[in-house]
Structure formats: structure tokens, C-alpha cells
Amino acid sequence: MPTRRPRKGGRRIDAAVDHFVLMGYAAYHVRSVVGSLVKMYGGPSRDVWRLVEEDSYKVVEARLLAIKEEKQKEDGQQVEDEPPKSCMEVDDCDSMVGRATKKAKVAATG
């Protein structure tokens, strides 16, 4: 007799969703990424799920972060790892922050 499919909530994809929803990702994004990775690796099998679940879903997390960065670039937002576009060098940024802090202190005192 073949094994029965686990009920919703007890499947491997549900464990992945639970893992990433706690990190703030939408469940439908996680399901989409996990589904695409499973298909990319050759379909649902025990070996494929071992790859997906390896290192606490490291492949899934990397893909979710890549999608997030792509979306930020499309929307014109600055990605966290990139330096600010308004400053050419770090020294310039530090001096700009210093001037802004001084102006804020002056405005607060008087």
C-alpha cells in the first residue's frame, strides 16, 4: 500500500514556510522560491529536498535575498551593501553627517 501524502501543515514545504515567515518573508514568496528550486534540481525527491533543507535552507535564503535585491534595484532603492550614491568617498559622507549633526544641535539649542 503506498504511503499517504501528509496533511497540509506537515509537509516539507510547510516547514520551509514556517522557517522563513518568522524572518518576515511572505509565505507565497517562500512557496514560489522553494517550488522553483525543487523543479530546478529535478523534481520532488528525497535527494532534492536534502539539498533544499541543507544548512537550514541556505539555498532558499540566498535566492530570497537575491530576489529582494533585484526588486530594490528595479524600484530604484539603494541596496544595503552598496555605498550611498550621493557621496563619492567615505570621508565625504562622514563630513556630511558631521555637518548635519552640528546643524541639528544648533537647531535644538536655539
PDB file of N, CA and C in Angstrom:
ATOM      1  N   MET A   1       0.839  -1.168   0.000  1.00  0.00           N
ATOM      2  CA  MET A   1       0.000   0.000   0.000  1.00  0.00           C
ATOM      3  C   MET A   1       0.898   1.249   0.000  1.00  0.00           C
ATOM      4  N   PRO A   2       0.665   2.205  -0.909  1.00  0.00           N
ATOM      5  CA  PRO A   2       1.508   3.396  -0.974  1.00  0.00           C
ATOM      6  C   PRO A   2       1.304   4.291   0.256  1.00  0.00           C
ATOM      7  N   THR A   3       2.351   5.042   0.570  1.00  0.00           N
ATOM      8  CA  THR A   3       2.243   5.949   1.714  1.00  0.00           C
ATOM      9  C   THR A   3       1.345   7.124   1.360  1.00  0.00           C
ATOM     10  N   ARG A   4       0.626   7.588   2.338  1.00  0.00           N
ATOM     11  CA  ARG A   4      -0.285   8.707   2.121  1.00  0.00           C
ATOM     12  C   ARG A   4       0.473  10.022   2.173  1.00  0.00           C
ATOM     13  N   ARG A   5      -0.011  10.951   1.442  1.00  0.00           N
ATOM     14  CA  ARG A   5       0.567  12.286   1.440  1.00  0.00           C
ATOM     15  C   ARG A   5       0.244  12.968   2.770  1.00  0.00           C
ATOM     16  N   PRO A   6       1.229  13.606   3.393  1.00  0.00           N
ATOM     17  CA  PRO A   6       0.954  14.267   4.671  1.00  0.00           C
ATOM     18  C   PRO A   6      -0.062  15.395   4.502  1.00  0.00           C
ATOM     19  N   ARG A   7      -0.782  15.660   5.556  1.00  0.00           N
ATOM     20  CA  ARG A   7      -1.759  16.744   5.527  1.00  0.00           C
ATOM     21  C   ARG A   7      -1.045  18.081   5.436  1.00  0.00           C
ATOM     22  N   LYS A   8      -1.778  19.068   4.988  1.00  0.00           N
ATOM     23  CA  LYS A   8      -1.218  20.401   4.895  1.00  0.00           C
ATOM     24  C   LYS A   8      -0.778  20.831   6.296  1.00  0.00           C
ATOM     25  N   GLY A   9       0.406  21.390   6.365  1.00  0.00           N
ATOM     26  CA  GLY A   9       0.969  21.766   7.653  1.00  0.00           C
ATOM     27  C   GLY A   9       2.034  20.785   8.107  1.00  0.00           C
ATOM     28  N   GLY A  10       2.042  19.589   7.534  1.00  0.00           N
ATOM     29  CA  GLY A  10       3.013  18.578   7.909  1.00  0.00           C
ATOM     30  C   GLY A  10       3.954  18.223   6.771  1.00  0.00           C
ATOM     31  N   ARG A  11       3.893  19.002   5.692  1.00  0.00           N
ATOM     32  CA  ARG A  11       4.743  18.721   4.542  1.00  0.00           C
ATOM     33  C   ARG A  11       6.059  19.476   4.662  1.00  0.00           C
ATOM     34  N   ARG A  12       7.035  19.085   3.873  1.00  0.00           N
ATOM     35  CA  ARG A  12       8.347  19.715   3.924  1.00  0.00           C
ATOM     36  C   ARG A  12       8.300  21.180   3.519  1.00  0.00           C
ATOM     37  N   ILE A  13       7.481  21.510   2.549  1.00  0.00           N
ATOM     38  CA  ILE A  13       7.384  22.906   2.127  1.00  0.00           C
ATOM     39  C   ILE A  13       6.787  23.763   3.240  1.00  0.00           C
ATOM     40  N   ASP A  14       5.898  23.185   4.038  1.00  0.00           N
ATOM     41  CA  ASP A  14       5.321  23.926   5.159  1.00  0.00           C
ATOM     42  C   ASP A  14       6.386  24.245   6.208  1.00  0.00           C
ATOM     43  N   ALA A  15       7.322  23.339   6.409  1.00  0.00           N
ATOM     44  CA  ALA A  15       8.418  23.597   7.343  1.00  0.00           C
ATOM     45  C   ALA A  15       9.293  24.753   6.840  1.00  0.00           C
ATOM     46  N   ALA A  16       9.521  24.799   5.530  1.00  0.00           N
ATOM     47  CA  ALA A  16      10.301  25.894   4.952  1.00  0.00           C
ATOM     48  C   ALA A  16       9.559  27.219   5.104  1.00  0.00           C
ATOM     49  N   VAL A  17       8.266  27.197   4.856  1.00  0.00           N
ATOM     50  CA  VAL A  17       7.458  28.414   5.004  1.00  0.00           C
ATOM     51  C   VAL A  17       7.495  28.895   6.452  1.00  0.00           C
ATOM     52  N   ASP A  18       7.314  27.986   7.395  1.00  0.00           N
ATOM     53  CA  ASP A  18       7.363  28.354   8.814  1.00  0.00           C
ATOM     54  C   ASP A  18       8.704  28.977   9.178  1.00  0.00           C
ATOM     55  N   HIS A  19       9.775  28.422   8.633  1.00  0.00           N
ATOM     56  CA  HIS A  19      11.124  28.912   8.911  1.00  0.00           C
ATOM     57  C   HIS A  19      11.299  30.359   8.445  1.00  0.00           C
ATOM     58  N   PHE A  20      10.818  30.672   7.247  1.00  0.00           N
ATOM     59  CA  PHE A  20      11.048  31.992   6.670  1.00  0.00           C
ATOM     60  C   PHE A  20       9.984  33.023   7.026  1.00  0.00           C
ATOM     61  N   VAL A  21       8.798  32.595   7.375  1.00  0.00           N
ATOM     62  CA  VAL A  21       7.773  33.552   7.803  1.00  0.00           C
ATOM     63  C   VAL A  21       8.213  34.232   9.095  1.00  0.00           C
ATOM     64  N   LEU A  22       8.900  33.497   9.949  1.00  0.00           N
ATOM     65  CA  LEU A  22       9.425  34.083  11.179  1.00  0.00           C
ATOM     66  C   LEU A  22      10.455  35.166  10.893  1.00  0.00           C
ATOM     67  N   MET A  23      11.101  35.096   9.750  1.00  0.00           N
ATOM     68  CA  MET A  23      12.097  36.103   9.355  1.00  0.00           C
ATOM     69  C   MET A  23      11.466  37.292   8.631  1.00  0.00           C
ATOM     70  N   GLY A  24      10.158  37.216   8.392  1.00  0.00           N
ATOM     71  CA  GLY A  24       9.475  38.335   7.770  1.00  0.00           C
ATOM     72  C   GLY A  24       9.161  38.179   6.295  1.00  0.00           C
ATOM     73  N   TYR A  25       9.433  37.033   5.714  1.00  0.00           N
ATOM     74  CA  TYR A  25       9.111  36.802   4.311  1.00  0.00           C
ATOM     75  C   TYR A  25       7.653  36.377   4.166  1.00  0.00           C
ATOM     76  N   ALA A  26       7.053  36.732   3.051  1.00  0.00           N
ATOM     77  CA  ALA A  26       5.677  36.333   2.774  1.00  0.00           C
ATOM     78  C   ALA A  26       5.648  34.851   2.403  1.00  0.00           C
ATOM     79  N   ALA A  27       4.632  34.171   2.864  1.00  0.00           N
ATOM     80  CA  ALA A  27       4.520  32.731   2.640  1.00  0.00           C
ATOM     81  C   ALA A  27       4.483  32.404   1.150  1.00  0.00           C
ATOM     82  N   TYR A  28       3.784  33.211   0.349  1.00  0.00           N
ATOM     83  CA  TYR A  28       3.696  32.910  -1.078  1.00  0.00           C
ATOM     84  C   TYR A  28       5.041  33.086  -1.778  1.00  0.00           C
ATOM     85  N   HIS A  29       5.898  34.018  -1.298  1.00  0.00           N
ATOM     86  CA  HIS A  29       7.240  34.142  -1.873  1.00  0.00           C
ATOM     87  C   HIS A  29       8.077  32.898  -1.568  1.00  0.00           C
ATOM     88  N   VAL A  30       7.986  32.437  -0.337  1.00  0.00           N
ATOM     89  CA  VAL A  30       8.758  31.258   0.077  1.00  0.00           C
ATOM     90  C   VAL A  30       8.310  30.037  -0.717  1.00  0.00           C
ATOM     91  N   ARG A  31       6.994  29.845  -0.843  1.00  0.00           N
ATOM     92  CA  ARG A  31       6.485  28.701  -1.614  1.00  0.00           C
ATOM     93  C   ARG A  31       6.950  28.769  -3.068  1.00  0.00           C
ATOM     94  N   SER A  32       6.929  29.956  -3.639  1.00  0.00           N
ATOM     95  CA  SER A  32       7.347  30.131  -5.024  1.00  0.00           C
ATOM     96  C   SER A  32       8.824  29.785  -5.204  1.00  0.00           C
ATOM     97  N   VAL A  33       9.666  30.291  -4.311  1.00  0.00           N
ATOM     98  CA  VAL A  33      11.113  30.041  -4.408  1.00  0.00           C
ATOM     99  C   VAL A  33      11.422  28.573  -4.178  1.00  0.00           C
ATOM    100  N   VAL A  34      10.828  27.978  -3.157  1.00  0.00           N
ATOM    101  CA  VAL A  34      11.070  26.556  -2.875  1.00  0.00           C
ATOM    102  C   VAL A  34      10.603  25.706  -4.049  1.00  0.00           C
ATOM    103  N   GLY A  35       9.425  26.020  -4.584  1.00  0.00           N
ATOM    104  CA  GLY A  35       8.917  25.263  -5.732  1.00  0.00           C
ATOM    105  C   GLY A  35       9.829  25.363  -6.943  1.00  0.00           C
ATOM    106  N   SER A  36      10.338  26.564  -7.211  1.00  0.00           N
ATOM    107  CA  SER A  36      11.227  26.721  -8.367  1.00  0.00           C
ATOM    108  C   SER A  36      12.555  26.000  -8.159  1.00  0.00           C
ATOM    109  N   LEU A  37      13.069  26.020  -6.920  1.00  0.00           N
ATOM    110  CA  LEU A  37      14.319  25.307  -6.639  1.00  0.00           C
ATOM    111  C   LEU A  37      14.134  23.797  -6.762  1.00  0.00           C
ATOM    112  N   VAL A  38      13.012  23.289  -6.267  1.00  0.00           N
ATOM    113  CA  VAL A  38      12.743  21.848  -6.368  1.00  0.00           C
ATOM    114  C   VAL A  38      12.662  21.439  -7.837  1.00  0.00           C
ATOM    115  N   LYS A  39      11.975  22.232  -8.653  1.00  0.00           N
ATOM    116  CA  LYS A  39      11.891  21.931 -10.089  1.00  0.00           C
ATOM    117  C   LYS A  39      13.262  22.020 -10.749  1.00  0.00           C
ATOM    118  N   MET A  40      14.040  23.045 -10.369  1.00  0.00           N
ATOM    119  CA  MET A  40      15.362  23.237 -10.962  1.00  0.00           C
ATOM    120  C   MET A  40      16.284  22.051 -10.655  1.00  0.00           C
ATOM    121  N   TYR A  41      16.168  21.492  -9.451  1.00  0.00           N
ATOM    122  CA  TYR A  41      17.017  20.373  -9.055  1.00  0.00           C
ATOM    123  C   TYR A  41      16.508  19.025  -9.554  1.00  0.00           C
ATOM    124  N   GLY A  42      15.372  19.004 -10.228  1.00  0.00           N
ATOM    125  CA  GLY A  42      14.928  17.746 -10.833  1.00  0.00           C
ATOM    126  C   GLY A  42      13.632  17.183 -10.306  1.00  0.00           C
ATOM    127  N   GLY A  43      12.861  17.938  -9.590  1.00  0.00           N
ATOM    128  CA  GLY A  43      11.571  17.441  -9.131  1.00  0.00           C
ATOM    129  C   GLY A  43      11.616  16.953  -7.702  1.00  0.00           C
ATOM    130  N   PRO A  44      10.442  16.750  -7.123  1.00  0.00           N
ATOM    131  CA  PRO A  44      10.381  16.374  -5.710  1.00  0.00           C
ATOM    132  C   PRO A  44      10.875  14.953  -5.459  1.00  0.00           C
ATOM    133  N   SER A  45      11.998  14.861  -4.803  1.00  0.00           N
ATOM    134  CA  SER A  45      12.527  13.574  -4.361  1.00  0.00           C
ATOM    135  C   SER A  45      13.263  13.814  -3.049  1.00  0.00           C
ATOM    136  N   ARG A  46      13.607  12.754  -2.374  1.00  0.00           N
ATOM    137  CA  ARG A  46      14.299  12.897  -1.091  1.00  0.00           C
ATOM    138  C   ARG A  46      15.643  13.586  -1.252  1.00  0.00           C
ATOM    139  N   ASP A  47      16.357  13.273  -2.325  1.00  0.00           N
ATOM    140  CA  ASP A  47      17.663  13.890  -2.551  1.00  0.00           C
ATOM    141  C   ASP A  47      17.541  15.387  -2.804  1.00  0.00           C
ATOM    142  N   VAL A  48      16.522  15.781  -3.553  1.00  0.00           N
ATOM    143  CA  VAL A  48      16.306  17.198  -3.838  1.00  0.00           C
ATOM    144  C   VAL A  48      15.956  17.938  -2.556  1.00  0.00           C
ATOM    145  N   TRP A  49      15.088  17.361  -1.747  1.00  0.00           N
ATOM    146  CA  TRP A  49      14.721  18.022  -0.503  1.00  0.00           C
ATOM    147  C   TRP A  49      15.900  18.123   0.453  1.00  0.00           C
ATOM    148  N   ARG A  50      16.793  17.162   0.412  1.00  0.00           N
ATOM    149  CA  ARG A  50      18.006  17.269   1.247  1.00  0.00           C
ATOM    150  C   ARG A  50      18.830  18.476   0.827  1.00  0.00           C
ATOM    151  N   LEU A  51      18.926  18.706  -0.484  1.00  0.00           N
ATOM    152  CA  LEU A  51      19.654  19.884  -0.961  1.00  0.00           C
ATOM    153  C   LEU A  51      18.978  21.178  -0.515  1.00  0.00           C
ATOM    154  N   VAL A  52      17.667  21.213  -0.608  1.00  0.00           N
ATOM    155  CA  VAL A  52      16.923  22.419  -0.237  1.00  0.00           C
ATOM    156  C   VAL A  52      17.011  22.666   1.269  1.00  0.00           C
ATOM    157  N   GLU A  53      16.914  21.617   2.066  1.00  0.00           N
ATOM    158  CA  GLU A  53      16.906  21.760   3.521  1.00  0.00           C
ATOM    159  C   GLU A  53      18.303  21.891   4.129  1.00  0.00           C
ATOM    160  N   GLU A  54      19.320  21.675   3.336  1.00  0.00           N
ATOM    161  CA  GLU A  54      20.694  21.706   3.825  1.00  0.00           C
ATOM    162  C   GLU A  54      21.037  23.062   4.432  1.00  0.00           C
ATOM    163  N   ASP A  55      21.752  23.040   5.544  1.00  0.00           N
ATOM    164  CA  ASP A  55      22.186  24.249   6.247  1.00  0.00           C
ATOM    165  C   ASP A  55      21.031  25.203   6.533  1.00  0.00           C
ATOM    166  N   SER A  56      19.946  24.680   7.022  1.00  0.00           N
ATOM    167  CA  SER A  56      18.765  25.483   7.373  1.00  0.00           C
ATOM    168  C   SER A  56      18.272  26.323   6.206  1.00  0.00           C
ATOM    169  N   TYR A  57      18.094  25.677   5.077  1.00  0.00           N
ATOM    170  CA  TYR A  57      17.527  26.305   3.870  1.00  0.00           C
ATOM    171  C   TYR A  57      18.410  27.431   3.324  1.00  0.00           C
ATOM    172  N   LYS A  58      19.708  27.220   3.350  1.00  0.00           N
ATOM    173  CA  LYS A  58      20.645  28.254   2.898  1.00  0.00           C
ATOM    174  C   LYS A  58      20.412  28.639   1.430  1.00  0.00           C
ATOM    175  N   VAL A  59      20.123  27.675   0.566  1.00  0.00           N
ATOM    176  CA  VAL A  59      19.871  27.975  -0.854  1.00  0.00           C
ATOM    177  C   VAL A  59      18.611  28.812  -1.012  1.00  0.00           C
ATOM    178  N   VAL A  60      17.607  28.488  -0.229  1.00  0.00           N
ATOM    179  CA  VAL A  60      16.345  29.231  -0.304  1.00  0.00           C
ATOM    180  C   VAL A  60      16.571  30.663   0.170  1.00  0.00           C
ATOM    181  N   GLU A  61      17.295  30.813   1.259  1.00  0.00           N
ATOM    182  CA  GLU A  61      17.567  32.146   1.784  1.00  0.00           C
ATOM    183  C   GLU A  61      18.379  32.978   0.795  1.00  0.00           C
ATOM    184  N   ALA A  62      19.361  32.367   0.161  1.00  0.00           N
ATOM    185  CA  ALA A  62      20.161  33.087  -0.825  1.00  0.00           C
ATOM    186  C   ALA A  62      19.298  33.556  -1.996  1.00  0.00           C
ATOM    187  N   ARG A  63      18.380  32.705  -2.440  1.00  0.00           N
ATOM    188  CA  ARG A  63      17.502  33.079  -3.556  1.00  0.00           C
ATOM    189  C   ARG A  63      16.519  34.175  -3.141  1.00  0.00           C
ATOM    190  N   LEU A  64      15.990  34.086  -1.929  1.00  0.00           N
ATOM    191  CA  LEU A  64      15.082  35.129  -1.445  1.00  0.00           C
ATOM    192  C   LEU A  64      15.792  36.478  -1.351  1.00  0.00           C
ATOM    193  N   LEU A  65      17.031  36.472  -0.873  1.00  0.00           N
ATOM    194  CA  LEU A  65      17.805  37.714  -0.790  1.00  0.00           C
ATOM    195  C   LEU A  65      18.111  38.265  -2.174  1.00  0.00           C
ATOM    196  N   ALA A  66      18.437  37.390  -3.120  1.00  0.00           N
ATOM    197  CA  ALA A  66      18.715  37.833  -4.488  1.00  0.00           C
ATOM    198  C   ALA A  66      17.473  38.480  -5.114  1.00  0.00           C
ATOM    199  N   ILE A  67      16.321  37.882  -4.883  1.00  0.00           N
ATOM    200  CA  ILE A  67      15.072  38.439  -5.404  1.00  0.00           C
ATOM    201  C   ILE A  67      14.799  39.800  -4.766  1.00  0.00           C
ATOM    202  N   LYS A  68      15.044  39.902  -3.470  1.00  0.00           N
ATOM    203  CA  LYS A  68      14.826  41.169  -2.762  1.00  0.00           C
ATOM    204  C   LYS A  68      15.734  42.263  -3.316  1.00  0.00           C
ATOM    205  N   GLU A  69      17.008  41.932  -3.557  1.00  0.00           N
ATOM    206  CA  GLU A  69      17.944  42.909  -4.111  1.00  0.00           C
ATOM    207  C   GLU A  69      17.550  43.313  -5.526  1.00  0.00           C
ATOM    208  N   GLU A  70      17.118  42.353  -6.339  1.00  0.00           N
ATOM    209  CA  GLU A  70      16.678  42.670  -7.700  1.00  0.00           C
ATOM    210  C   GLU A  70      15.483  43.620  -7.666  1.00  0.00           C
ATOM    211  N   LYS A  71      14.553  43.360  -6.773  1.00  0.00           N
ATOM    212  CA  LYS A  71      13.365  44.205  -6.664  1.00  0.00           C
ATOM    213  C   LYS A  71      13.743  45.618  -6.215  1.00  0.00           C
ATOM    214  N   GLN A  72      14.681  45.718  -5.262  1.00  0.00           N
ATOM    215  CA  GLN A  72      15.118  47.028  -4.803  1.00  0.00           C
ATOM    216  C   GLN A  72      15.795  47.807  -5.922  1.00  0.00           C
ATOM    217  N   LYS A  73      16.597  47.126  -6.729  1.00  0.00           N
ATOM    218  CA  LYS A  73      17.257  47.792  -7.846  1.00  0.00           C
ATOM    219  C   LYS A  73      16.246  48.254  -8.883  1.00  0.00           C
ATOM    220  N   GLU A  74      15.223  47.446  -9.134  1.00  0.00           N
ATOM    221  CA  GLU A  74      14.179  47.822 -10.083  1.00  0.00           C
ATOM    222  C   GLU A  74      13.394  49.026  -9.582  1.00  0.00           C
ATOM    223  N   ASP A  75      13.141  49.067  -8.295  1.00  0.00           N
ATOM    224  CA  ASP A  75      12.373  50.163  -7.709  1.00  0.00           C
ATOM    225  C   ASP A  75      13.223  51.422  -7.524  1.00  0.00           C
ATOM    226  N   GLY A  76      14.519  51.316  -7.772  1.00  0.00           N
ATOM    227  CA  GLY A  76      15.404  52.465  -7.632  1.00  0.00           C
ATOM    228  C   GLY A  76      15.863  52.705  -6.211  1.00  0.00           C
ATOM    229  N   GLN A  77      15.633  51.756  -5.332  1.00  0.00           N
ATOM    230  CA  GLN A  77      16.081  51.897  -3.959  1.00  0.00           C
ATOM    231  C   GLN A  77      17.522  51.445  -3.856  1.00  0.00           C
ATOM    232  N   GLN A  78      18.189  51.976  -2.870  1.00  0.00           N
ATOM    233  CA  GLN A  78      19.575  51.617  -2.647  1.00  0.00           C
ATOM    234  C   GLN A  78      19.655  50.287  -1.920  1.00  0.00           C
ATOM    235  N   VAL A  79      20.501  49.389  -2.388  1.00  0.00           N
ATOM    236  CA  VAL A  79      20.715  48.101  -1.732  1.00  0.00           C
ATOM    237  C   VAL A  79      21.652  48.337  -0.564  1.00  0.00           C
ATOM    238  N   GLU A  80      21.424  47.637   0.550  1.00  0.00           N
ATOM    239  CA  GLU A  80      22.167  47.877   1.779  1.00  0.00           C
ATOM    240  C   GLU A  80      23.678  47.758   1.606  1.00  0.00           C
ATOM    241  N   ASP A  81      24.154  46.861   0.772  1.00  0.00           N
ATOM    242  CA  ASP A  81      25.585  46.645   0.628  1.00  0.00           C
ATOM    243  C   ASP A  81      26.267  47.706  -0.227  1.00  0.00           C
ATOM    244  N   GLU A  82      25.510  48.484  -0.959  1.00  0.00           N
ATOM    245  CA  GLU A  82      26.096  49.492  -1.824  1.00  0.00           C
ATOM    246  C   GLU A  82      26.362  50.768  -1.047  1.00  0.00           C
ATOM    247  N   PRO A  83      27.428  51.502  -1.419  1.00  0.00           N
ATOM    248  CA  PRO A  83      27.677  52.780  -0.762  1.00  0.00           C
ATOM    249  C   PRO A  83      26.650  53.805  -1.214  1.00  0.00           C
ATOM    250  N   PRO A  84      26.434  54.858  -0.438  1.00  0.00           N
ATOM    251  CA  PRO A  84      25.477  55.881  -0.844  1.00  0.00           C
ATOM    252  C   PRO A  84      25.884  56.518  -2.161  1.00  0.00           C
ATOM    253  N   LYS A  85      24.918  56.813  -2.998  1.00  0.00           N
ATOM    254  CA  LYS A  85      25.220  57.369  -4.314  1.00  0.00           C
ATOM    255  C   LYS A  85      25.565  58.847  -4.254  1.00  0.00           C
ATOM    256  N   SER A  86      25.186  59.539  -3.182  1.00  0.00           N
ATOM    257  CA  SER A  86      25.435  60.964  -3.089  1.00  0.00           C
ATOM    258  C   SER A  86      26.854  61.281  -2.640  1.00  0.00           C
ATOM    259  N   CYS A  87      27.574  60.310  -2.096  1.00  0.00           N
ATOM    260  CA  CYS A  87      28.939  60.522  -1.618  1.00  0.00           C
ATOM    261  C   CYS A  87      29.912  59.768  -2.516  1.00  0.00           C
ATOM    262  N   MET A  88      30.979  60.432  -2.876  1.00  0.00           N
ATOM    263  CA  MET A  88      31.977  59.782  -3.716  1.00  0.00           C
ATOM    264  C   MET A  88      32.960  58.979  -2.874  1.00  0.00           C
ATOM    265  N   GLU A  89      33.276  59.478  -1.692  1.00  0.00           N
ATOM    266  CA  GLU A  89      34.206  58.779  -0.819  1.00  0.00           C
ATOM    267  C   GLU A  89      33.616  58.715   0.579  1.00  0.00           C
ATOM    268  N   VAL A  90      34.127  57.817   1.371  1.00  0.00           N
ATOM    269  CA  VAL A  90      33.627  57.657   2.729  1.00  0.00           C
ATOM    270  C   VAL A  90      33.893  58.912   3.546  1.00  0.00           C
ATOM    271  N   ASP A  91      35.052  59.551   3.339  1.00  0.00           N
ATOM    272  CA  ASP A  91      35.379  60.771   4.079  1.00  0.00           C
ATOM    273  C   ASP A  91      34.337  61.853   3.830  1.00  0.00           C
ATOM    274  N   ASP A  92      33.876  61.975   2.580  1.00  0.00           N
ATOM    275  CA  ASP A  92      32.849  62.961   2.265  1.00  0.00           C
ATOM    276  C   ASP A  92      31.568  62.672   3.025  1.00  0.00           C
ATOM    277  N   CYS A  93      31.212  61.410   3.128  1.00  0.00           N
ATOM    278  CA  CYS A  93      29.986  61.024   3.833  1.00  0.00           C
ATOM    279  C   CYS A  93      30.104  61.370   5.312  1.00  0.00           C
ATOM    280  N   ASP A  94      31.279  61.070   5.892  1.00  0.00           N
ATOM    281  CA  ASP A  94      31.476  61.371   7.308  1.00  0.00           C
ATOM    282  C   ASP A  94      31.365  62.860   7.566  1.00  0.00           C
ATOM    283  N   SER A  95      31.936  63.670   6.683  1.00  0.00           N
ATOM    284  CA  SER A  95      31.873  65.113   6.887  1.00  0.00           C
ATOM    285  C   SER A  95      30.447  65.620   6.704  1.00  0.00           C
ATOM    286  N   MET A  96      29.699  65.035   5.753  1.00  0.00           N
ATOM    287  CA  MET A  96      28.311  65.440   5.550  1.00  0.00           C
ATOM    288  C   MET A  96      27.462  65.097   6.773  1.00  0.00           C
ATOM    289  N   VAL A  97      27.695  63.928   7.364  1.00  0.00           N
ATOM    290  CA  VAL A  97      26.958  63.523   8.552  1.00  0.00           C
ATOM    291  C   VAL A  97      27.319  64.435   9.720  1.00  0.00           C
ATOM    292  N   GLY A  98      28.607  64.769   9.823  1.00  0.00           N
ATOM    293  CA  GLY A  98      29.050  65.665  10.888  1.00  0.00           C
ATOM    294  C   GLY A  98      28.394  67.026  10.785  1.00  0.00           C
ATOM    295  N   ARG A  99      28.309  67.588   9.574  1.00  0.00           N
ATOM    296  CA  ARG A  99      27.663  68.890   9.379  1.00  0.00           C
ATOM    297  C   ARG A  99      26.182  68.818   9.718  1.00  0.00           C
ATOM    298  N   ALA A 100      25.531  67.750   9.322  1.00  0.00           N
ATOM    299  CA  ALA A 100      24.105  67.598   9.607  1.00  0.00           C
ATOM    300  C   ALA A 100      23.873  67.490  11.110  1.00  0.00           C
ATOM    301  N   THR A 101      24.767  66.789  11.814  1.00  0.00           N
ATOM    302  CA  THR A 101      24.644  66.658  13.261  1.00  0.00           C
ATOM    303  C   THR A 101      24.822  68.011  13.936  1.00  0.00           C
ATOM    304  N   LYS A 102      25.799  68.796  13.482  1.00  0.00           N
ATOM    305  CA  LYS A 102      26.024  70.131  14.055  1.00  0.00           C
ATOM    306  C   LYS A 102      24.807  71.021  13.822  1.00  0.00           C
ATOM    307  N   LYS A 103      24.230  70.956  12.614  1.00  0.00           N
ATOM    308  CA  LYS A 103      23.050  71.782  12.325  1.00  0.00           C
ATOM    309  C   LYS A 103      21.881  71.377  13.211  1.00  0.00           C
ATOM    310  N   ALA A 104      21.726  70.097  13.456  1.00  0.00           N
ATOM    311  CA  ALA A 104      20.643  69.618  14.301  1.00  0.00           C
ATOM    312  C   ALA A 104      20.829  70.083  15.743  1.00  0.00           C
ATOM    313  N   LYS A 105      22.072  70.074  16.234  1.00  0.00           N
ATOM    314  CA  LYS A 105      22.340  70.538  17.592  1.00  0.00           C
ATOM    315  C   LYS A 105      22.061  72.030  17.708  1.00  0.00           C
ATOM    316  N   VAL A 106      22.464  72.802  16.703  1.00  0.00           N
ATOM    317  CA  VAL A 106      22.233  74.241  16.718  1.00  0.00           C
ATOM    318  C   VAL A 106      20.740  74.524  16.694  1.00  0.00           C
ATOM    319  N   ALA A 107      20.005  73.797  15.875  1.00  0.00           N
ATOM    320  CA  ALA A 107      18.559  73.999  15.780  1.00  0.00           C
ATOM    321  C   ALA A 107      17.862  73.621  17.078  1.00  0.00           C
ATOM    322  N   ALA A 108      18.371  72.620  17.771  1.00  0.00           N
ATOM    323  CA  ALA A 108      17.743  72.170  19.009  1.00  0.00           C
ATOM    324  C   ALA A 108      18.019  73.154  20.155  1.00  0.00           C
ATOM    325  N   THR A 109      19.169  73.800  20.130  1.00  0.00           N
ATOM    326  CA  THR A 109      19.521  74.713  21.225  1.00  0.00           C
ATOM    327  C   THR A 109      18.959  76.103  21.021  1.00  0.00           C
ATOM    328  N   GLY A 110      18.699  76.448  19.838  1.00  0.00           N
ATOM    329  CA  GLY A 110      18.293  77.834  19.709  1.00  0.00           C
ATOM    330  C   GLY A 110      17.347  78.093  18.670  1.00  0.00           C
TER     331      GLY A 110
END
